Amino acid sequence: MAEPKLYREKKVWRVENYVNAEKVDIDEAHKAQTVNIFNCSNSTLHIPQKVNAIFIDKGEKLVVIVHGVVGTLVIINSKNIEIRVSETVPSFQIEQSNAVRLCLSEQCASETEILSNLATDVNVLIVDDTVVEQKEHSLPEQLKSVYRNGKFLTTAVSK
């Protein structure tokens, strides 16, 4: 396995090849910078500042704790990913991934959009400190398309 790396190239932080890392802090990342997480597994990553974007590729059993994102948080080719957001993320993009859990505040959930493509078992936990039992929502995995009046109409098939 390749050696773990955490480094910055201009405006991009690269987090690569971490395995079984209890906590990897990316303390210096900030709003104008992007964080790329590649090939990390069984680890927890902490990004305490708001960043421009986050890209996760080939992650497995990964927890990412992030203050917030200005743009998009992308998860691709990954499985068993948990994202914990303390502020806001305007957009999530989940592609070719399985078992993704987003832990969002009510405010974050109401201000975000989640796009998924070839993604299964995507769940959103709305975190509310005033409630003992938290509510988790499963996102639909199936779409139904029907041809009506010269065009296709597509709707989600709820679980």
N, C-alpha and C. Protein backbone atom coordinates (compact mmCIF):
# COMPACT_ATOMS: atom_id res chain seq x y z
N MET A 1 0.84 -1.19 0.00
CA MET A 1 0.00 0.00 0.00
C MET A 1 0.88 1.25 0.00
N ALA A 2 0.43 2.26 -0.65
CA ALA A 2 1.18 3.51 -0.76
C ALA A 2 1.24 4.23 0.60
N GLU A 3 2.22 5.05 0.74
CA GLU A 3 2.45 5.80 1.98
C GLU A 3 1.40 6.91 2.15
N PRO A 4 0.90 7.12 3.39
CA PRO A 4 -0.07 8.20 3.63
C PRO A 4 0.57 9.56 3.37
N LYS A 5 -0.23 10.46 2.78
CA LYS A 5 0.28 11.80 2.47
C LYS A 5 -0.78 12.83 2.80
N LEU A 6 -0.34 13.95 3.35
CA LEU A 6 -1.17 15.12 3.58
C LEU A 6 -0.33 16.32 3.17
N TYR A 7 -0.72 16.97 2.07
CA TYR A 7 0.07 18.10 1.58
C TYR A 7 -0.83 19.04 0.76
N ARG A 8 -0.31 20.23 0.52
CA ARG A 8 -1.05 21.23 -0.25
C ARG A 8 -0.30 21.57 -1.52
N GLU A 9 -1.04 21.60 -2.63
CA GLU A 9 -0.53 22.06 -3.92
C GLU A 9 -1.37 23.27 -4.31
N LYS A 10 -0.79 24.45 -4.20
CA LYS A 10 -1.51 25.70 -4.47
C LYS A 10 -2.78 25.76 -3.63
N LYS A 11 -3.97 25.68 -4.26
CA LYS A 11 -5.23 25.80 -3.51
C LYS A 11 -5.90 24.47 -3.24
N VAL A 12 -5.16 23.37 -3.36
CA VAL A 12 -5.74 22.04 -3.18
C VAL A 12 -4.98 21.27 -2.11
N TRP A 13 -5.70 20.84 -1.07
CA TRP A 13 -5.14 19.95 -0.05
C TRP A 13 -5.36 18.52 -0.52
N ARG A 14 -4.34 17.70 -0.44
CA ARG A 14 -4.43 16.30 -0.85
C ARG A 14 -4.23 15.41 0.39
N VAL A 15 -5.20 14.54 0.60
CA VAL A 15 -5.15 13.58 1.69
C VAL A 15 -5.21 12.21 1.02
N GLU A 16 -4.12 11.45 1.09
CA GLU A 16 -4.02 10.22 0.31
C GLU A 16 -3.54 9.05 1.15
N ASN A 17 -4.16 7.91 0.91
CA ASN A 17 -3.67 6.61 1.40
C ASN A 17 -3.65 6.44 2.92
N TYR A 18 -4.50 7.13 3.64
CA TYR A 18 -4.57 6.91 5.09
C TYR A 18 -5.39 5.66 5.37
N VAL A 19 -4.85 4.78 6.21
CA VAL A 19 -5.52 3.55 6.60
C VAL A 19 -5.45 3.45 8.12
N ASN A 20 -6.58 3.18 8.76
CA ASN A 20 -6.66 3.02 10.22
C ASN A 20 -6.13 4.23 10.99
N ALA A 21 -6.36 5.41 10.47
CA ALA A 21 -5.94 6.64 11.16
C ALA A 21 -7.08 7.13 12.05
N GLU A 22 -6.81 7.23 13.34
CA GLU A 22 -7.85 7.65 14.28
C GLU A 22 -8.36 9.06 13.99
N LYS A 23 -7.44 9.98 13.71
CA LYS A 23 -7.86 11.35 13.41
C LYS A 23 -6.78 12.05 12.60
N VAL A 24 -7.17 12.46 11.41
CA VAL A 24 -6.28 13.24 10.55
C VAL A 24 -6.86 14.65 10.51
N ASP A 25 -6.12 15.62 11.05
CA ASP A 25 -6.57 17.01 11.08
C ASP A 25 -6.04 17.76 9.87
N ILE A 26 -6.95 18.43 9.18
CA ILE A 26 -6.58 19.29 8.06
C ILE A 26 -6.89 20.71 8.53
N ASP A 27 -6.09 21.17 9.49
CA ASP A 27 -6.34 22.42 10.21
C ASP A 27 -6.16 23.68 9.37
N GLU A 28 -5.24 23.65 8.42
CA GLU A 28 -4.90 24.87 7.70
C GLU A 28 -5.75 25.12 6.47
N ALA A 29 -6.61 24.18 6.10
CA ALA A 29 -7.49 24.38 4.94
C ALA A 29 -8.49 25.48 5.25
N HIS A 30 -8.80 26.30 4.23
CA HIS A 30 -9.77 27.39 4.45
C HIS A 30 -10.64 27.60 3.22
N LYS A 31 -11.50 28.63 3.28
CA LYS A 31 -12.56 28.89 2.30
C LYS A 31 -12.14 28.91 0.84
N ALA A 32 -10.95 29.33 0.54
CA ALA A 32 -10.50 29.43 -0.84
C ALA A 32 -9.86 28.14 -1.33
N GLN A 33 -9.84 27.11 -0.49
CA GLN A 33 -9.13 25.88 -0.84
C GLN A 33 -10.07 24.68 -0.94
N THR A 34 -9.64 23.71 -1.72
CA THR A 34 -10.37 22.46 -1.93
C THR A 34 -9.61 21.35 -1.22
N VAL A 35 -10.35 20.36 -0.73
CA VAL A 35 -9.73 19.19 -0.10
C VAL A 35 -10.07 17.97 -0.93
N ASN A 36 -9.04 17.28 -1.44
CA ASN A 36 -9.19 16.04 -2.19
C ASN A 36 -8.75 14.88 -1.32
N ILE A 37 -9.67 13.95 -1.09
CA ILE A 37 -9.40 12.79 -0.25
C ILE A 37 -9.41 11.57 -1.17
N PHE A 38 -8.29 10.87 -1.23
CA PHE A 38 -8.17 9.76 -2.17
C PHE A 38 -7.64 8.50 -1.48
N ASN A 39 -8.32 7.39 -1.71
CA ASN A 39 -7.84 6.08 -1.29
C ASN A 39 -7.59 5.99 0.22
N CYS A 40 -8.49 6.52 1.01
CA CYS A 40 -8.37 6.45 2.47
C CYS A 40 -9.42 5.46 3.00
N SER A 41 -9.06 4.71 4.05
CA SER A 41 -10.00 3.75 4.61
C SER A 41 -9.86 3.63 6.12
N ASN A 42 -10.98 3.28 6.73
CA ASN A 42 -11.04 3.03 8.16
C ASN A 42 -10.37 4.17 8.95
N SER A 43 -10.72 5.40 8.58
CA SER A 43 -10.08 6.57 9.19
C SER A 43 -11.10 7.67 9.44
N THR A 44 -10.72 8.62 10.29
CA THR A 44 -11.53 9.80 10.56
C THR A 44 -10.73 11.04 10.17
N LEU A 45 -11.33 11.88 9.33
CA LEU A 45 -10.70 13.12 8.89
C LEU A 45 -11.48 14.30 9.44
N HIS A 46 -10.77 15.30 9.92
CA HIS A 46 -11.41 16.47 10.53
C HIS A 46 -10.96 17.73 9.80
N ILE A 47 -11.96 18.47 9.29
CA ILE A 47 -11.69 19.73 8.58
C ILE A 47 -12.43 20.82 9.35
N PRO A 48 -11.76 21.50 10.30
CA PRO A 48 -12.44 22.42 11.21
C PRO A 48 -12.86 23.76 10.60
N GLN A 49 -12.31 24.12 9.45
CA GLN A 49 -12.67 25.39 8.81
C GLN A 49 -13.59 25.12 7.62
N LYS A 50 -14.36 26.12 7.23
CA LYS A 50 -15.15 26.02 6.01
C LYS A 50 -14.20 26.02 4.82
N VAL A 51 -14.43 25.11 3.85
CA VAL A 51 -13.57 25.02 2.66
C VAL A 51 -14.42 25.21 1.40
N ASN A 52 -13.74 25.41 0.28
CA ASN A 52 -14.44 25.66 -0.98
C ASN A 52 -15.18 24.42 -1.47
N ALA A 53 -14.52 23.27 -1.49
CA ALA A 53 -15.12 22.02 -1.96
C ALA A 53 -14.37 20.85 -1.37
N ILE A 54 -15.04 19.68 -1.36
CA ILE A 54 -14.40 18.45 -0.90
C ILE A 54 -14.72 17.36 -1.92
N PHE A 55 -13.68 16.62 -2.32
CA PHE A 55 -13.84 15.49 -3.23
C PHE A 55 -13.31 14.24 -2.54
N ILE A 56 -14.15 13.21 -2.45
CA ILE A 56 -13.74 11.94 -1.86
C ILE A 56 -13.81 10.89 -2.96
N ASP A 57 -12.69 10.23 -3.23
CA ASP A 57 -12.63 9.21 -4.27
C ASP A 57 -11.98 7.96 -3.68
N LYS A 58 -12.61 6.83 -3.86
CA LYS A 58 -12.13 5.53 -3.39
C LYS A 58 -11.94 5.50 -1.88
N GLY A 59 -12.91 6.05 -1.15
CA GLY A 59 -12.91 5.98 0.30
C GLY A 59 -13.68 4.77 0.78
N GLU A 60 -13.28 4.23 1.92
CA GLU A 60 -13.99 3.09 2.50
C GLU A 60 -13.92 3.17 4.02
N LYS A 61 -15.08 2.99 4.66
CA LYS A 61 -15.19 3.09 6.12
C LYS A 61 -14.51 4.38 6.60
N LEU A 62 -15.00 5.48 6.07
CA LEU A 62 -14.39 6.78 6.29
C LEU A 62 -15.39 7.72 6.96
N VAL A 63 -14.94 8.45 7.98
CA VAL A 63 -15.75 9.48 8.61
C VAL A 63 -15.07 10.82 8.32
N VAL A 64 -15.83 11.76 7.78
CA VAL A 64 -15.31 13.10 7.51
C VAL A 64 -16.15 14.08 8.31
N ILE A 65 -15.50 14.80 9.21
CA ILE A 65 -16.15 15.80 10.04
C ILE A 65 -15.73 17.16 9.49
N VAL A 66 -16.70 17.93 9.01
CA VAL A 66 -16.40 19.19 8.34
C VAL A 66 -17.27 20.31 8.89
N HIS A 67 -16.67 21.48 9.03
CA HIS A 67 -17.42 22.64 9.49
C HIS A 67 -18.46 23.04 8.45
N GLY A 68 -18.03 23.20 7.20
CA GLY A 68 -18.94 23.57 6.12
C GLY A 68 -18.19 23.66 4.80
N VAL A 69 -18.97 23.74 3.73
CA VAL A 69 -18.42 23.81 2.39
C VAL A 69 -19.11 24.94 1.64
N VAL A 70 -18.35 25.73 0.91
CA VAL A 70 -18.90 26.84 0.12
C VAL A 70 -19.65 26.30 -1.09
N GLY A 71 -19.09 25.27 -1.75
CA GLY A 71 -19.67 24.74 -2.98
C GLY A 71 -20.22 23.34 -2.81
N THR A 72 -19.54 22.35 -3.38
CA THR A 72 -20.04 20.98 -3.43
C THR A 72 -19.13 20.01 -2.69
N LEU A 73 -19.75 19.00 -2.08
CA LEU A 73 -19.04 17.88 -1.50
C LEU A 73 -19.36 16.68 -2.38
N VAL A 74 -18.33 16.10 -3.01
CA VAL A 74 -18.50 15.01 -3.96
C VAL A 74 -17.96 13.72 -3.35
N ILE A 75 -18.74 12.64 -3.48
CA ILE A 75 -18.32 11.31 -3.05
C ILE A 75 -18.45 10.41 -4.28
N ILE A 76 -17.35 9.77 -4.67
CA ILE A 76 -17.35 8.92 -5.86
C ILE A 76 -16.57 7.63 -5.59
N ASN A 77 -17.04 6.54 -6.14
CA ASN A 77 -16.36 5.24 -6.03
C ASN A 77 -16.02 4.88 -4.58
N SER A 78 -16.97 5.07 -3.69
CA SER A 78 -16.70 4.89 -2.26
C SER A 78 -17.77 4.03 -1.60
N LYS A 79 -17.45 3.51 -0.40
CA LYS A 79 -18.45 2.77 0.36
C LYS A 79 -18.23 2.95 1.86
N ASN A 80 -19.34 2.91 2.58
CA ASN A 80 -19.35 3.11 4.03
C ASN A 80 -18.71 4.45 4.41
N ILE A 81 -19.31 5.51 3.93
CA ILE A 81 -18.82 6.88 4.18
C ILE A 81 -19.81 7.58 5.08
N GLU A 82 -19.32 8.28 6.09
CA GLU A 82 -20.16 9.11 6.94
C GLU A 82 -19.61 10.53 6.91
N ILE A 83 -20.50 11.48 6.62
CA ILE A 83 -20.14 12.89 6.57
C ILE A 83 -20.91 13.59 7.69
N ARG A 84 -20.20 14.30 8.55
CA ARG A 84 -20.83 15.07 9.64
C ARG A 84 -20.56 16.55 9.38
N VAL A 85 -21.63 17.32 9.24
CA VAL A 85 -21.51 18.73 8.91
C VAL A 85 -22.02 19.56 10.08
N SER A 86 -21.23 20.54 10.54
CA SER A 86 -21.69 21.38 11.64
C SER A 86 -22.35 22.66 11.15
N GLU A 87 -22.06 23.10 9.91
CA GLU A 87 -22.69 24.31 9.39
C GLU A 87 -23.50 23.96 8.14
N THR A 88 -23.05 24.36 6.94
CA THR A 88 -23.83 24.10 5.74
C THR A 88 -22.97 23.57 4.59
N VAL A 89 -23.63 22.84 3.71
CA VAL A 89 -23.07 22.37 2.44
C VAL A 89 -24.20 22.57 1.41
N PRO A 90 -24.02 23.47 0.45
CA PRO A 90 -25.11 23.72 -0.50
C PRO A 90 -25.47 22.52 -1.38
N SER A 91 -24.47 21.67 -1.69
CA SER A 91 -24.72 20.59 -2.63
C SER A 91 -23.85 19.37 -2.34
N PHE A 92 -24.49 18.21 -2.37
CA PHE A 92 -23.78 16.93 -2.30
C PHE A 92 -23.95 16.23 -3.64
N GLN A 93 -22.89 15.61 -4.11
CA GLN A 93 -22.96 14.81 -5.33
C GLN A 93 -22.39 13.44 -4.98
N ILE A 94 -23.21 12.41 -5.11
CA ILE A 94 -22.83 11.06 -4.72
C ILE A 94 -22.93 10.16 -5.96
N GLU A 95 -21.80 9.60 -6.38
CA GLU A 95 -21.77 8.79 -7.59
C GLU A 95 -21.06 7.46 -7.35
N GLN A 96 -21.63 6.41 -7.90
CA GLN A 96 -21.04 5.07 -7.85
C GLN A 96 -20.55 4.73 -6.44
N SER A 97 -21.41 4.95 -5.47
CA SER A 97 -21.04 4.73 -4.07
C SER A 97 -22.14 3.97 -3.35
N ASN A 98 -21.76 3.34 -2.24
CA ASN A 98 -22.70 2.53 -1.47
C ASN A 98 -22.54 2.84 0.01
N ALA A 99 -23.66 2.86 0.72
CA ALA A 99 -23.68 3.07 2.17
C ALA A 99 -23.07 4.42 2.55
N VAL A 100 -23.75 5.48 2.14
CA VAL A 100 -23.33 6.84 2.47
C VAL A 100 -24.32 7.41 3.48
N ARG A 101 -23.78 7.96 4.55
CA ARG A 101 -24.62 8.56 5.60
C ARG A 101 -24.22 10.02 5.77
N LEU A 102 -25.20 10.90 5.60
CA LEU A 102 -24.98 12.33 5.79
C LEU A 102 -25.65 12.74 7.09
N CYS A 103 -24.89 13.32 8.02
CA CYS A 103 -25.41 13.79 9.30
C CYS A 103 -25.49 15.32 9.22
N LEU A 104 -26.71 15.84 9.11
CA LEU A 104 -26.91 17.26 8.86
C LEU A 104 -27.84 17.87 9.90
N SER A 105 -27.62 19.14 10.20
CA SER A 105 -28.57 19.86 11.04
C SER A 105 -29.84 20.12 10.22
N GLU A 106 -30.91 20.46 10.88
CA GLU A 106 -32.16 20.80 10.19
C GLU A 106 -31.93 21.94 9.19
N GLN A 107 -31.17 22.95 9.63
CA GLN A 107 -30.88 24.10 8.75
C GLN A 107 -30.08 23.66 7.53
N CYS A 108 -29.04 22.88 7.72
CA CYS A 108 -28.22 22.41 6.60
C CYS A 108 -29.06 21.59 5.64
N ALA A 109 -29.87 20.67 6.17
CA ALA A 109 -30.70 19.82 5.32
C ALA A 109 -31.68 20.64 4.49
N SER A 110 -32.22 21.69 5.07
CA SER A 110 -33.20 22.50 4.35
C SER A 110 -32.56 23.41 3.30
N GLU A 111 -31.23 23.59 3.36
CA GLU A 111 -30.54 24.47 2.42
C GLU A 111 -29.64 23.72 1.44
N THR A 112 -29.74 22.39 1.40
CA THR A 112 -28.85 21.62 0.54
C THR A 112 -29.63 20.85 -0.50
N GLU A 113 -28.92 20.46 -1.57
CA GLU A 113 -29.50 19.53 -2.53
C GLU A 113 -28.54 18.35 -2.63
N ILE A 114 -29.14 17.17 -2.82
CA ILE A 114 -28.36 15.94 -2.89
C ILE A 114 -28.62 15.30 -4.25
N LEU A 115 -27.58 15.21 -5.05
CA LEU A 115 -27.67 14.57 -6.36
C LEU A 115 -26.97 13.22 -6.26
N SER A 116 -27.63 12.17 -6.74
CA SER A 116 -27.00 10.86 -6.69
C SER A 116 -27.15 10.15 -8.03
N ASN A 117 -26.13 9.37 -8.35
CA ASN A 117 -26.09 8.63 -9.60
C ASN A 117 -25.39 7.29 -9.32
N LEU A 118 -26.08 6.20 -9.58
CA LEU A 118 -25.54 4.87 -9.30
C LEU A 118 -25.09 4.76 -7.84
N ALA A 119 -25.90 5.28 -6.95
CA ALA A 119 -25.60 5.26 -5.51
C ALA A 119 -26.68 4.46 -4.79
N THR A 120 -26.28 3.60 -3.87
CA THR A 120 -27.24 2.81 -3.10
C THR A 120 -27.04 3.04 -1.61
N ASP A 121 -28.11 2.82 -0.88
CA ASP A 121 -28.09 2.94 0.58
C ASP A 121 -27.56 4.30 1.04
N VAL A 122 -28.17 5.36 0.52
CA VAL A 122 -27.83 6.73 0.92
C VAL A 122 -28.86 7.18 1.96
N ASN A 123 -28.38 7.55 3.13
CA ASN A 123 -29.25 7.96 4.23
C ASN A 123 -28.83 9.32 4.76
N VAL A 124 -29.85 10.08 5.20
CA VAL A 124 -29.60 11.40 5.79
C VAL A 124 -30.16 11.40 7.20
N LEU A 125 -29.30 11.68 8.15
CA LEU A 125 -29.70 11.79 9.55
C LEU A 125 -29.83 13.27 9.87
N ILE A 126 -31.02 13.69 10.28
CA ILE A 126 -31.24 15.07 10.70
C ILE A 126 -30.92 15.13 12.19
N VAL A 127 -29.84 15.82 12.52
CA VAL A 127 -29.36 15.88 13.90
C VAL A 127 -30.06 17.03 14.62
N ASP A 128 -30.71 16.68 15.72
CA ASP A 128 -31.42 17.66 16.54
C ASP A 128 -31.09 17.36 18.00
N ASP A 129 -30.31 18.24 18.62
CA ASP A 129 -29.86 18.01 20.00
C ASP A 129 -31.00 18.04 21.01
N THR A 130 -32.18 18.55 20.63
CA THR A 130 -33.30 18.64 21.56
C THR A 130 -34.15 17.37 21.56
N VAL A 131 -33.86 16.44 20.64
CA VAL A 131 -34.65 15.22 20.51
C VAL A 131 -33.80 14.02 20.90
N VAL A 132 -34.37 13.11 21.68
CA VAL A 132 -33.64 11.93 22.12
C VAL A 132 -33.45 10.98 20.94
N GLU A 133 -34.52 10.70 20.20
CA GLU A 133 -34.44 9.77 19.08
C GLU A 133 -34.31 10.56 17.77
N GLN A 134 -33.20 10.38 17.09
CA GLN A 134 -32.94 11.10 15.84
C GLN A 134 -33.68 10.42 14.68
N LYS A 135 -34.01 11.21 13.66
CA LYS A 135 -34.74 10.70 12.50
C LYS A 135 -33.80 10.56 11.31
N GLU A 136 -33.74 9.32 10.77
CA GLU A 136 -32.91 9.06 9.61
C GLU A 136 -33.82 8.83 8.39
N HIS A 137 -33.43 9.42 7.26
CA HIS A 137 -34.22 9.32 6.04
C HIS A 137 -33.42 8.59 4.96
N SER A 138 -34.03 7.62 4.32
CA SER A 138 -33.41 6.92 3.21
C SER A 138 -33.79 7.63 1.92
N LEU A 139 -32.81 7.85 1.05
CA LEU A 139 -33.10 8.46 -0.23
C LEU A 139 -33.47 7.36 -1.24
N PRO A 140 -34.41 7.65 -2.12
CA PRO A 140 -34.86 6.63 -3.09
C PRO A 140 -33.72 6.19 -4.00
N GLU A 141 -33.72 4.89 -4.31
CA GLU A 141 -32.73 4.33 -5.22
C GLU A 141 -33.32 4.06 -6.59
N GLN A 142 -34.65 4.07 -6.67
CA GLN A 142 -35.30 3.77 -7.93
C GLN A 142 -36.02 4.98 -8.48
N LEU A 143 -36.01 5.07 -9.81
CA LEU A 143 -36.75 6.11 -10.52
C LEU A 143 -37.75 5.44 -11.45
N LYS A 144 -38.89 6.07 -11.61
CA LYS A 144 -39.90 5.57 -12.54
C LYS A 144 -40.13 6.64 -13.60
N SER A 145 -40.01 6.25 -14.87
CA SER A 145 -40.23 7.18 -15.97
C SER A 145 -41.42 6.72 -16.80
N VAL A 146 -42.28 7.66 -17.15
CA VAL A 146 -43.43 7.38 -18.01
C VAL A 146 -43.46 8.41 -19.13
N TYR A 147 -43.90 7.96 -20.30
CA TYR A 147 -43.98 8.83 -21.47
C TYR A 147 -45.39 9.40 -21.55
N ARG A 148 -45.49 10.72 -21.44
CA ARG A 148 -46.78 11.40 -21.46
C ARG A 148 -46.68 12.67 -22.29
N ASN A 149 -47.61 12.86 -23.18
CA ASN A 149 -47.70 14.09 -23.98
C ASN A 149 -46.38 14.47 -24.65
N GLY A 150 -45.71 13.48 -25.22
CA GLY A 150 -44.52 13.74 -26.00
C GLY A 150 -43.23 13.91 -25.21
N LYS A 151 -43.24 13.63 -23.89
CA LYS A 151 -42.02 13.73 -23.10
C LYS A 151 -42.05 12.73 -21.94
N PHE A 152 -40.88 12.46 -21.40
CA PHE A 152 -40.79 11.56 -20.26
C PHE A 152 -40.90 12.34 -18.96
N LEU A 153 -41.67 11.80 -18.02
CA LEU A 153 -41.78 12.35 -16.67
C LEU A 153 -41.16 11.33 -15.72
N THR A 154 -40.26 11.76 -14.90
CA THR A 154 -39.56 10.86 -14.00
C THR A 154 -39.81 11.25 -12.56
N THR A 155 -40.14 10.25 -11.74
CA THR A 155 -40.37 10.47 -10.32
C THR A 155 -39.60 9.43 -9.52
N ALA A 156 -39.30 9.77 -8.29
CA ALA A 156 -38.62 8.84 -7.40
C ALA A 156 -39.62 7.84 -6.85
N VAL A 157 -39.19 6.61 -6.71
CA VAL A 157 -40.00 5.57 -6.10
C VAL A 157 -39.52 5.46 -4.66
N SER A 158 -40.34 5.88 -3.71
CA SER A 158 -39.94 5.88 -2.30
C SER A 158 -39.87 4.48 -1.76
N LYS A 159 -39.01 4.31 -0.75
CA LYS A 159 -38.87 3.01 -0.09
C LYS A 159 -40.03 2.77 0.83
